[in-house]
């Protein structure tokens, strides 16, 4: 088992955009792990329907 590694993981999340309203999208997290436990999220981004890659800071998390 590696001591320190970086892993990319994609999940579906419901987000809320002011222009589009509720949006279900694939969000990719790039995280740093230490002994199998997540330590820090390095980057978080989402891919649009048209293939553009956008940062998740422009959409709010929908609760």
C-alpha atoms as a PDB file:
ATOM      1  CA  UNK A   1       0.000   0.000   0.000  1.00  0.00           C
ATOM      2  CA  UNK A   2       1.272   3.453  -0.865  1.00  0.00           C
ATOM      3  CA  UNK A   3       1.783   5.997   1.893  1.00  0.00           C
ATOM      4  CA  UNK A   4       0.875   9.097  -0.125  1.00  0.00           C
ATOM      5  CA  UNK A   5      -1.063   9.112  -3.404  1.00  0.00           C
ATOM      6  CA  UNK A   6      -3.421  11.244  -5.504  1.00  0.00           C
ATOM      7  CA  UNK A   7      -6.730   9.921  -6.796  1.00  0.00           C
ATOM      8  CA  UNK A   8      -9.332  11.283  -9.235  1.00  0.00           C
ATOM      9  CA  UNK A   9     -12.956  10.414  -8.462  1.00  0.00           C
ATOM     10  CA  UNK A  10     -16.147  11.346 -10.334  1.00  0.00           C
ATOM     11  CA  UNK A  11     -19.623  11.506  -8.749  1.00  0.00           C
ATOM     12  CA  UNK A  12     -23.026  12.868  -9.747  1.00  0.00           C
ATOM     13  CA  UNK A  13     -24.194  15.883  -7.740  1.00  0.00           C
ATOM     14  CA  UNK A  14     -27.173  18.204  -7.818  1.00  0.00           C
ATOM     15  CA  UNK A  15     -26.004  21.781  -8.284  1.00  0.00           C
ATOM     16  CA  UNK A  16     -27.883  25.058  -8.571  1.00  0.00           C
ATOM     17  CA  UNK A  17     -27.031  27.715 -11.128  1.00  0.00           C
ATOM     18  CA  UNK A  18     -28.676  31.144 -11.203  1.00  0.00           C
ATOM     19  CA  UNK A  19     -29.195  31.016 -14.985  1.00  0.00           C
ATOM     20  CA  UNK A  20     -30.174  27.343 -15.374  1.00  0.00           C
ATOM     21  CA  UNK A  21     -31.733  26.431 -12.017  1.00  0.00           C
ATOM     22  CA  UNK A  22     -31.270  22.880 -10.723  1.00  0.00           C
ATOM     23  CA  UNK A  23     -28.585  20.937 -12.543  1.00  0.00           C
ATOM     24  CA  UNK A  24     -27.438  17.322 -12.126  1.00  0.00           C
ATOM     25  CA  UNK A  25     -23.846  17.049 -13.297  1.00  0.00           C
ATOM     26  CA  UNK A  26     -20.720  14.920 -12.994  1.00  0.00           C
ATOM     27  CA  UNK A  27     -18.244  16.499 -10.583  1.00  0.00           C
ATOM     28  CA  UNK A  28     -14.636  15.305 -10.533  1.00  0.00           C
ATOM     29  CA  UNK A  29     -12.588  15.602  -7.334  1.00  0.00           C
ATOM     30  CA  UNK A  30      -8.804  15.318  -7.283  1.00  0.00           C
ATOM     31  CA  UNK A  31      -7.814  14.408  -3.727  1.00  0.00           C
ATOM     32  CA  UNK A  32      -4.596  13.684  -1.876  1.00  0.00           C
ATOM     33  CA  UNK A  33      -4.655  10.568   0.337  1.00  0.00           C
ATOM     34  CA  UNK A  34      -2.394   9.605   3.232  1.00  0.00           C
ATOM     35  CA  UNK A  35      -2.598   5.945   4.328  1.00  0.00           C
ATOM     36  CA  UNK A  36      -5.941   5.637   2.491  1.00  0.00           C
ATOM     37  CA  UNK A  37      -7.582   8.613   4.236  1.00  0.00           C
ATOM     38  CA  UNK A  38      -8.376  11.802   2.278  1.00  0.00           C
ATOM     39  CA  UNK A  39      -6.220  14.698   3.439  1.00  0.00           C
ATOM     40  CA  UNK A  40      -6.894  17.539   1.004  1.00  0.00           C
ATOM     41  CA  UNK A  41      -9.005  18.285  -2.076  1.00  0.00           C
ATOM     42  CA  UNK A  42      -6.595  19.674  -4.657  1.00  0.00           C
ATOM     43  CA  UNK A  43      -9.103  20.552  -7.390  1.00  0.00           C
ATOM     44  CA  UNK A  44     -12.826  20.207  -8.089  1.00  0.00           C
ATOM     45  CA  UNK A  45     -14.309  20.668 -11.563  1.00  0.00           C
ATOM     46  CA  UNK A  46     -17.317  19.703 -13.646  1.00  0.00           C
ATOM     47  CA  UNK A  47     -17.858  18.928 -17.307  1.00  0.00           C
ATOM     48  CA  UNK A  48     -20.747  20.508 -19.201  1.00  0.00           C
ATOM     49  CA  UNK A  49     -22.990  18.850 -21.755  1.00  0.00           C
ATOM     50  CA  UNK A  50     -20.901  20.337 -24.561  1.00  0.00           C
ATOM     51  CA  UNK A  51     -17.600  19.045 -23.178  1.00  0.00           C
ATOM     52  CA  UNK A  52     -16.360  22.264 -21.579  1.00  0.00           C
ATOM     53  CA  UNK A  53     -14.554  21.939 -18.256  1.00  0.00           C
ATOM     54  CA  UNK A  54     -15.651  24.480 -15.640  1.00  0.00           C
ATOM     55  CA  UNK A  55     -14.642  25.165 -12.068  1.00  0.00           C
ATOM     56  CA  UNK A  56     -17.314  24.357  -9.466  1.00  0.00           C
ATOM     57  CA  UNK A  57     -17.117  27.781  -7.836  1.00  0.00           C
ATOM     58  CA  UNK A  58     -19.713  29.260 -10.247  1.00  0.00           C
ATOM     59  CA  UNK A  59     -22.424  26.762  -9.131  1.00  0.00           C
ATOM     60  CA  UNK A  60     -23.810  26.445  -5.623  1.00  0.00           C
ATOM     61  CA  UNK A  61     -24.421  23.058  -4.040  1.00  0.00           C
ATOM     62  CA  UNK A  62     -28.151  22.217  -4.151  1.00  0.00           C
ATOM     63  CA  UNK A  63     -29.474  20.916  -0.849  1.00  0.00           C
END
